[in-house]
C-alpha atoms as a PDB file:
ATOM      1  CA  MET A   1      80.597  66.113 -59.966  1.00  0.00           C
ATOM      2  CA  LYS A   2      80.492  69.784 -57.715  1.00  0.00           C
ATOM      3  CA  ILE A   3      78.141  71.997 -56.800  1.00  0.00           C
ATOM      4  CA  ALA A   4      78.699  75.210 -55.614  1.00  0.00           C
ATOM      5  CA  VAL A   5      75.366  76.152 -52.861  1.00  0.00           C
ATOM      6  CA  CYS A   6      74.316  79.370 -51.349  1.00  0.00           C
ATOM      7  CA  VAL A   7      72.759  78.845 -48.395  1.00  0.00           C
ATOM      8  CA  ASP A   8      71.205  80.664 -45.558  1.00  0.00           C
ATOM      9  CA  ARG A   9      71.293  80.305 -42.118  1.00  0.00           C
ATOM     10  CA  ASP A  10      69.214  77.317 -42.509  1.00  0.00           C
ATOM     11  CA  GLY A  11      71.175  74.799 -44.867  1.00  0.00           C
ATOM     12  CA  GLU A  12      69.108  76.468 -47.856  1.00  0.00           C
ATOM     13  CA  PRO A  13      69.883  77.979 -51.598  1.00  0.00           C
ATOM     14  CA  ALA A  14      69.319  80.943 -50.738  1.00  0.00           C
ATOM     15  CA  ALA A  15      70.417  84.257 -52.779  1.00  0.00           C
ATOM     16  CA  LEU A  16      73.772  85.515 -53.681  1.00  0.00           C
ATOM     17  CA  PHE A  17      73.228  89.111 -51.329  1.00  0.00           C
ATOM     18  CA  LYS A  18      70.961  87.117 -49.076  1.00  0.00           C
ATOM     19  CA  GLY A  19      72.865  84.287 -48.469  1.00  0.00           C
ATOM     20  CA  GLN A  20      75.155  83.432 -45.252  1.00  0.00           C
ATOM     21  CA  ALA A  21      77.721  80.718 -46.319  1.00  0.00           C
ATOM     22  CA  VAL A  22      78.341  79.306 -49.515  1.00  0.00           C
ATOM     23  CA  ARG A  23      78.793  75.195 -49.539  1.00  0.00           C
ATOM     24  CA  LEU A  24      80.574  73.202 -51.582  1.00  0.00           C
ATOM     25  CA  TYR A  25      78.827  69.805 -52.272  1.00  0.00           C
ATOM     26  CA  GLN A  26      80.277  66.476 -54.427  1.00  0.00           C
ATOM     27  CA  GLN A  27      79.098  63.974 -55.606  1.00  0.00           C
ATOM     28  CA  SER A  28      79.259  60.423 -54.126  1.00  0.00           C
ATOM     29  CA  GLY A  29      77.127  57.909 -55.567  1.00  0.00           C
ATOM     30  CA  ASP A  30      73.307  58.920 -55.084  1.00  0.00           C
ATOM     31  CA  THR A  31      74.459  61.021 -52.554  1.00  0.00           C
ATOM     32  CA  TRP A  32      75.574  64.926 -52.509  1.00  0.00           C
ATOM     33  CA  VAL A  33      79.060  65.460 -49.936  1.00  0.00           C
ATOM     34  CA  LEU A  34      79.840  68.070 -48.011  1.00  0.00           C
ATOM     35  CA  ARG A  35      83.798  69.400 -48.797  1.00  0.00           C
ATOM     36  CA  ARG A  36      83.817  72.452 -47.235  1.00  0.00           C
ATOM     37  CA  GLU A  37      81.943  76.400 -46.583  1.00  0.00           C
ATOM     38  CA  ILE A  38      82.736  78.820 -46.703  1.00  0.00           C
ATOM     39  CA  LEU A  39      81.060  82.009 -45.229  1.00  0.00           C
ATOM     40  CA  LEU A  40      79.482  84.667 -46.831  1.00  0.00           C
ATOM     41  CA  ASP A  41      79.351  88.663 -46.182  1.00  0.00           C
ATOM     42  CA  LEU A  42      78.650  90.208 -49.664  1.00  0.00           C
ATOM     43  CA  ARG A  43      76.809  93.860 -49.053  1.00  0.00           C
ATOM     44  CA  ALA A  44      74.705  95.436 -52.690  1.00  0.00           C
ATOM     45  CA  ASP A  45      75.795  98.761 -51.117  1.00  0.00           C
ATOM     46  CA  GLU A  46      79.753  97.924 -51.378  1.00  0.00           C
ATOM     47  CA  GLY A  47      81.365  99.652 -54.336  1.00  0.00           C
ATOM     48  CA  LEU A  48      82.071  97.146 -57.329  1.00  0.00           C
ATOM     49  CA  ALA A  49      85.856  96.748 -56.862  1.00  0.00           C
ATOM     50  CA  ALA A  50      85.054  95.617 -53.216  1.00  0.00           C
ATOM     51  CA  LEU A  51      81.940  93.548 -54.570  1.00  0.00           C
ATOM     52  CA  LYS A  52      84.497  91.877 -57.144  1.00  0.00           C
ATOM     53  CA  LEU A  53      87.472  91.559 -55.458  1.00  0.00           C
ATOM     54  CA  ALA A  54      84.841  89.545 -52.357  1.00  0.00           C
ATOM     55  CA  LEU A  55      82.938  87.251 -55.168  1.00  0.00           C
ATOM     56  CA  HIS A  56      87.449  86.568 -56.075  1.00  0.00           C
ATOM     57  CA  THR A  57      88.059  85.682 -52.984  1.00  0.00           C
ATOM     58  CA  VAL A  58      85.514  82.782 -52.064  1.00  0.00           C
ATOM     59  CA  TRP A  59      85.349  80.894 -54.998  1.00  0.00           C
ATOM     60  CA  SER A  60      89.277  80.994 -55.307  1.00  0.00           C
ATOM     61  CA  ARG A  61      88.682  78.743 -52.847  1.00  0.00           C
ATOM     62  CA  LEU A  62      85.883  76.603 -54.380  1.00  0.00           C
ATOM     63  CA  GLU A  63      88.607  74.179 -55.700  1.00  0.00           C
ATOM     64  CA  ASP A  64      87.446  74.990 -59.355  1.00  0.00           C
ATOM     65  CA  CYS A  65      83.897  74.323 -58.866  1.00  0.00           C
ATOM     66  CA  ARG A  66      82.015  76.868 -61.991  1.00  0.00           C
ATOM     67  CA  GLU A  67      78.514  75.354 -61.365  1.00  0.00           C
ATOM     68  CA  VAL A  68      76.822  77.462 -58.638  1.00  0.00           C
ATOM     69  CA  LEU A  69      72.749  76.900 -57.497  1.00  0.00           C
ATOM     70  CA  LEU A  70      71.265  80.379 -55.901  1.00  0.00           C
ATOM     71  CA  ARG A  71      67.659  80.715 -55.006  1.00  0.00           C
ATOM     72  CA  GLU A  72      67.026  83.958 -57.035  1.00  0.00           C
ATOM     73  CA  VAL A  73      69.665  84.598 -60.430  1.00  0.00           C
ATOM     74  CA  ARG A  74      70.066  88.088 -60.439  1.00  0.00           C
ATOM     75  CA  GLY A  75      71.546  92.064 -59.915  1.00  0.00           C
ATOM     76  CA  ILE A  76      75.328  92.240 -60.907  1.00  0.00           C
ATOM     77  CA  GLY A  77      76.938  90.006 -57.953  1.00  0.00           C
ATOM     78  CA  CYS A  78      75.454  87.385 -60.968  1.00  0.00           C
ATOM     79  CA  VAL A  79      76.908  89.421 -63.897  1.00  0.00           C
ATOM     80  CA  ILE A  80      80.514  88.847 -62.070  1.00  0.00           C
ATOM     81  CA  LEU A  81      80.206  85.643 -61.578  1.00  0.00           C
ATOM     82  CA  GLN A  82      78.866  84.534 -65.304  1.00  0.00           C
ATOM     83  CA  ASP A  83      80.904  87.664 -67.046  1.00  0.00           C
ATOM     84  CA  ASP A  84      84.328  88.190 -65.130  1.00  0.00           C
ATOM     85  CA  MET A  85      84.631  84.263 -63.952  1.00  0.00           C
ATOM     86  CA  GLY A  86      82.767  81.640 -65.860  1.00  0.00           C
ATOM     87  CA  VAL A  87      80.547  80.443 -63.791  1.00  0.00           C
ATOM     88  CA  ARG A  88      77.525  79.443 -65.081  1.00  0.00           C
ATOM     89  CA  LEU A  89      74.135  79.641 -62.504  1.00  0.00           C
ATOM     90  CA  TRP A  90      71.891  77.002 -62.094  1.00  0.00           C
ATOM     91  CA  ARG A  91      68.194  78.845 -60.028  1.00  0.00           C
ATOM     92  CA  SER A  92      66.213  76.780 -57.945  1.00  0.00           C
ATOM     93  CA  GLU A  93      63.814  76.609 -55.339  1.00  0.00           C
ATOM     94  CA  GLY A  94      62.846  74.014 -52.488  1.00  0.00           C
ATOM     95  CA  ALA A  95      65.267  71.427 -50.579  1.00  0.00           C
ATOM     96  CA  LEU A  96      68.286  71.428 -50.722  1.00  0.00           C
ATOM     97  CA  ALA A  97      69.234  67.334 -51.437  1.00  0.00           C
ATOM     98  CA  GLU A  98      66.248  67.231 -53.891  1.00  0.00           C
ATOM     99  CA  GLN A  99      68.065  70.551 -55.690  1.00  0.00           C
ATOM    100  CA  LEU A 100      71.440  69.475 -55.925  1.00  0.00           C
ATOM    101  CA  ASP A 101      69.636  66.169 -57.623  1.00  0.00           C
ATOM    102  CA  ASN A 102      67.734  67.913 -60.038  1.00  0.00           C
ATOM    103  CA  VAL A 103      71.074  70.760 -61.208  1.00  0.00           C
ATOM    104  CA  GLY A 104      73.241  67.564 -61.256  1.00  0.00           C
ATOM    105  CA  ARG A 105      70.742  65.901 -63.689  1.00  0.00           C
ATOM    106  CA  LYS A 106      70.705  69.106 -65.937  1.00  0.00           C
ATOM    107  CA  ILE A 107      74.143  69.663 -65.366  1.00  0.00           C
ATOM    108  CA  GLN A 108      74.555  66.272 -67.099  1.00  0.00           C
ATOM    109  CA  GLU A 109      72.210  66.620 -69.788  1.00  0.00           C
ATOM    110  CA  THR A 110      73.222  70.598 -70.770  1.00  0.00           C
ATOM    111  CA  PRO A 111      76.609  71.182 -72.572  1.00  0.00           C
ATOM    112  CA  ARG A 112      78.654  74.215 -71.263  1.00  0.00           C
ATOM    113  CA  VAL A 113      78.849  76.989 -73.534  1.00  0.00           C
ATOM    114  CA  GLU A 114      79.936  80.398 -72.384  1.00  0.00           C
ATOM    115  CA  ALA A 115      77.477  83.248 -71.231  1.00  0.00           C
ATOM    116  CA  SER A 116      77.796  85.816 -74.276  1.00  0.00           C
ATOM    117  CA  GLY A 117      76.663  88.577 -71.963  1.00  0.00           C
ATOM    118  CA  CYS A 118      74.265  88.670 -68.634  1.00  0.00           C
ATOM    119  CA  GLY A 119      71.396  86.763 -68.326  1.00  0.00           C
ATOM    120  CA  CYS A 120      70.258  87.660 -64.723  1.00  0.00           C
ATOM    121  CA  GLY A 121      66.878  87.224 -64.036  1.00  0.00           C
ATOM    122  CA  GLY A 122      65.074  87.064 -61.410  1.00  0.00           C
ATOM    123  CA  ARG A 123      61.489  86.719 -60.672  1.00  0.00           C
ATOM    124  CA  GLY A 124      62.012  82.871 -59.650  1.00  0.00           C
ATOM    125  CA  ARG A 125      61.887  79.570 -61.797  1.00  0.00           C
ATOM    126  CA  ALA A 126      63.160  75.900 -61.957  1.00  0.00           C
ATOM    127  CA  PRO A 127      66.829  75.108 -62.783  1.00  0.00           C
ATOM    128  CA  GLU A 128      67.429  75.814 -66.051  1.00  0.00           C
ATOM    129  CA  ALA A 129      70.798  76.800 -67.699  1.00  0.00           C
ATOM    130  CA  SER A 130      73.084  77.198 -71.259  1.00  0.00           C
ATOM    131  CA  GLY A 131      71.269  75.896 -74.473  1.00  0.00           C
ATOM    132  CA  GLN A 132      68.959  76.848 -76.772  1.00  0.00           C
ATOM    133  CA  PRO A 133      66.875  79.794 -75.480  1.00  0.00           C
ATOM    134  CA  ASP A 134      62.732  79.870 -75.889  1.00  0.00           C
ATOM    135  CA  PRO A 135      62.345  82.575 -78.670  1.00  0.00           C
ATOM    136  CA  ALA A 136      60.731  86.070 -77.429  1.00  0.00           C
ATOM    137  CA  PRO A 137      58.036  87.239 -78.004  1.00  0.00           C
ATOM    138  CA  ASP A 138      57.565  90.509 -79.815  1.00  0.00           C
ATOM    139  CA  PRO A 139      58.179  94.120 -77.220  1.00  0.00           C
ATOM    140  CA  GLU A 140      54.490  95.090 -76.107  1.00  0.00           C
ATOM    141  CA  VAL A 141      53.197  97.638 -78.809  1.00  0.00           C
ATOM    142  CA  VAL A 142      51.908 100.899 -75.510  1.00  0.00           C
ATOM    143  CA  ALA A 143      50.788 103.314 -78.771  1.00  0.00           C
ATOM    144  CA  PRO A 144      52.539 103.532 -82.705  1.00  0.00           C
ATOM    145  CA  GLY A 145      56.320 103.630 -82.436  1.00  0.00           C
ATOM    146  CA  HIS A 146      56.878 103.358 -78.527  1.00  0.00           C
ATOM    147  CA  LEU A 147      57.707  99.758 -77.652  1.00  0.00           C
ATOM    148  CA  ARG A 148      58.064  98.078 -74.318  1.00  0.00           C
ATOM    149  CA  VAL A 149      60.117  95.369 -73.289  1.00  0.00           C
ATOM    150  CA  ASP A 150      60.032  93.724 -70.099  1.00  0.00           C
ATOM    151  CA  LEU A 151      63.888  92.474 -70.075  1.00  0.00           C
ATOM    152  CA  ALA A 152      63.541  91.351 -66.429  1.00  0.00           C
ATOM    153  CA  ALA A 153      60.427  89.467 -66.614  1.00  0.00           C
ATOM    154  CA  LEU A 154      61.793  87.758 -70.350  1.00  0.00           C
ATOM    155  CA  LEU A 155      65.137  86.581 -68.347  1.00  0.00           C
ATOM    156  CA  ALA A 156      63.647  85.389 -65.336  1.00  0.00           C
ATOM    157  CA  ALA A 157      62.182  83.293 -67.826  1.00  0.00           C
ATOM    158  CA  ASP A 158      64.360  82.152 -69.904  1.00  0.00           C
ATOM    159  CA  THR A 159      67.824  82.272 -68.377  1.00  0.00           C
ATOM    160  CA  ARG A 160      69.417  80.749 -71.728  1.00  0.00           C
ATOM    161  CA  ARG A 161      68.516  84.327 -72.764  1.00  0.00           C
ATOM    162  CA  ASN A 162      71.281  87.382 -72.129  1.00  0.00           C
ATOM    163  CA  SER A 163      70.438  91.109 -72.801  1.00  0.00           C
ATOM    164  CA  ARG A 164      72.231  90.859 -76.198  1.00  0.00           C
ATOM    165  CA  ASP A 165      69.999  88.701 -77.471  1.00  0.00           C
ATOM    166  CA  LEU A 166      66.918  90.267 -76.562  1.00  0.00           C
ATOM    167  CA  LEU A 167      67.513  94.183 -77.194  1.00  0.00           C
ATOM    168  CA  ALA A 168      70.349  94.333 -79.866  1.00  0.00           C
ATOM    169  CA  PRO A 169      68.044  93.415 -82.558  1.00  0.00           C
ATOM    170  CA  LEU A 170      65.904  96.210 -81.599  1.00  0.00           C
ATOM    171  CA  LEU A 171      67.947  99.248 -80.986  1.00  0.00           C
ATOM    172  CA  GLU A 172      69.487  98.044 -84.309  1.00  0.00           C
ATOM    173  CA  ALA A 173      66.270  98.273 -86.515  1.00  0.00           C
ATOM    174  CA  ARG A 174      65.792 101.467 -84.504  1.00  0.00           C
ATOM    175  CA  ALA A 175      62.183 100.841 -85.624  1.00  0.00           C
ATOM    176  CA  PHE A 176      60.907 103.353 -83.134  1.00  0.00           C
ATOM    177  CA  GLU A 177      60.357 106.767 -81.464  1.00  0.00           C
ATOM    178  CA  ARG A 178      60.303 105.149 -78.404  1.00  0.00           C
ATOM    179  CA  LEU A 179      61.735 101.737 -76.409  1.00  0.00           C
ATOM    180  CA  ASP A 180      61.131 101.412 -72.621  1.00  0.00           C
ATOM    181  CA  ILE A 181      62.917  99.519 -71.194  1.00  0.00           C
ATOM    182  CA  VAL A 182      62.210  98.025 -68.264  1.00  0.00           C
ATOM    183  CA  CYS A 183      65.212  96.023 -66.484  1.00  0.00           C
ATOM    184  CA  GLU A 184      67.690  94.660 -63.220  1.00  0.00           C
ATOM    185  CA  HIS A 185      70.755  97.104 -64.238  1.00  0.00           C
ATOM    186  CA  LEU A 186      71.756  98.103 -67.554  1.00  0.00           C
ATOM    187  CA  PRO A 187      74.351  95.405 -69.245  1.00  0.00           C
ATOM    188  CA  ARG A 188      77.541  97.031 -70.120  1.00  0.00           C
ATOM    189  CA  TRP A 189      77.018  96.963 -73.085  1.00  0.00           C
ATOM    190  CA  PHE A 190      73.940  99.487 -73.407  1.00  0.00           C
ATOM    191  CA  ASP A 191      75.967 102.679 -73.766  1.00  0.00           C
ATOM    192  CA  SER A 192      78.239 102.241 -76.396  1.00  0.00           C
ATOM    193  CA  THR A 193      75.793 100.659 -78.657  1.00  0.00           C
ATOM    194  CA  LEU A 194      73.415 103.518 -77.966  1.00  0.00           C
ATOM    195  CA  ALA A 195      76.039 106.399 -78.889  1.00  0.00           C
ATOM    196  CA  ARG A 196      76.877 104.551 -81.622  1.00  0.00           C
ATOM    197  CA  LEU A 197      73.257 104.144 -83.028  1.00  0.00           C
ATOM    198  CA  ASP A 198      72.442 107.890 -81.985  1.00  0.00           C
ATOM    199  CA  LEU A 199      70.118 107.222 -79.295  1.00  0.00           C
ATOM    200  CA  GLN A 200      70.072 107.763 -76.255  1.00  0.00           C
ATOM    201  CA  ALA A 201      68.380 106.894 -73.225  1.00  0.00           C
ATOM    202  CA  ASP A 202      66.360 108.089 -69.688  1.00  0.00           C
ATOM    203  CA  VAL A 203      66.824 106.181 -67.306  1.00  0.00           C
ATOM    204  CA  GLN A 204      64.853 106.203 -64.513  1.00  0.00           C
ATOM    205  CA  PRO A 205      63.409 104.003 -61.447  1.00  0.00           C
ATOM    206  CA  GLU A 206      60.356 101.779 -61.709  1.00  0.00           C
ATOM    207  CA  GLY A 207      59.603  99.668 -58.960  1.00  0.00           C
ATOM    208  CA  ALA A 208      62.124  97.348 -57.782  1.00  0.00           C
ATOM    209  CA  PHE A 209      63.592  97.455 -60.785  1.00  0.00           C
ATOM    210  CA  LEU A 210      64.549 100.261 -63.560  1.00  0.00           C
ATOM    211  CA  CYS A 211      63.076 101.580 -66.181  1.00  0.00           C
ATOM    212  CA  ALA A 212      65.088 103.195 -69.010  1.00  0.00           C
ATOM    213  CA  ARG A 213      63.546 105.222 -71.848  1.00  0.00           C
ATOM    214  CA  VAL A 214      65.641 104.799 -74.994  1.00  0.00           C
ATOM    215  CA  VAL A 215      64.672 107.579 -77.804  1.00  0.00           C
ATOM    216  CA  PRO A 216      66.553 108.483 -80.915  1.00  0.00           C
ATOM    217  CA  VAL A 217      69.122 111.708 -80.302  1.00  0.00           C
ATOM    218  CA  PRO A 218      67.311 115.036 -82.071  1.00  0.00           C
ATOM    219  CA  ALA A 219      69.090 115.604 -85.898  1.00  0.00           C
ATOM    220  CA  ALA A 220      70.578 118.532 -84.009  1.00  0.00           C
ATOM    221  CA  ALA A 221      71.998 116.787 -80.755  1.00  0.00           C
ATOM    222  CA  GLN A 222      73.586 113.714 -82.956  1.00  0.00           C
ATOM    223  CA  GLY A 223      77.651 113.431 -82.601  1.00  0.00           C
ATOM    224  CA  GLY A 224      77.062 112.943 -79.231  1.00  0.00           C
ATOM    225  CA  CYS A 225      75.187 110.648 -76.930  1.00  0.00           C
ATOM    226  CA  SER A 226      74.510 110.852 -72.752  1.00  0.00           C
ATOM    227  CA  ARG A 227      72.954 108.607 -70.685  1.00  0.00           C
ATOM    228  CA  SER A 228      70.789 111.416 -68.320  1.00  0.00           C
END
């Protein structure tokens, strides 16, 4: 079994954009042997194409390893790893040796299932991965007709969830006058779904996150949908 780990300068699990290197470990009996270490220099402000190229370059040297341990699973880099490269991400905090053992057990217990949409979250949690997610709670009712979903928190609470499963049923039902969605980034399928359903979104910063206010397109304007 092989696990790649994004590590900081102290050699402990790190978030993708805070990591100094990616280490590839292979299990040998009860120990984990370091096979190689690749320096990591990712910048959150570089363009999407450059970020994809950098990630593909690093992971092409990891001997087809598709299990990655990170301190945080959040942001566009995680979307690229999961959706474009088929990598399974494990979020965990703590000493590296202990977390390698924990994730190794989880890998053996959990069948590998291809992700359908982005499952990136944040806000810290013990190791988890694909399988049947826990049922998501109903959206918060802010006022009659006004709903709110903290997508970032829902994804962080259970890494087996993905944005499409959480949001698509709400959008399809259109049982709201306004739906606020708190997230780290909007899913790639979001705009096309809004256009198909005659919905539109105004996206504004909310602290470290984004808040997309989704409302029906006014009847007079239907036939075209744009995101502000």
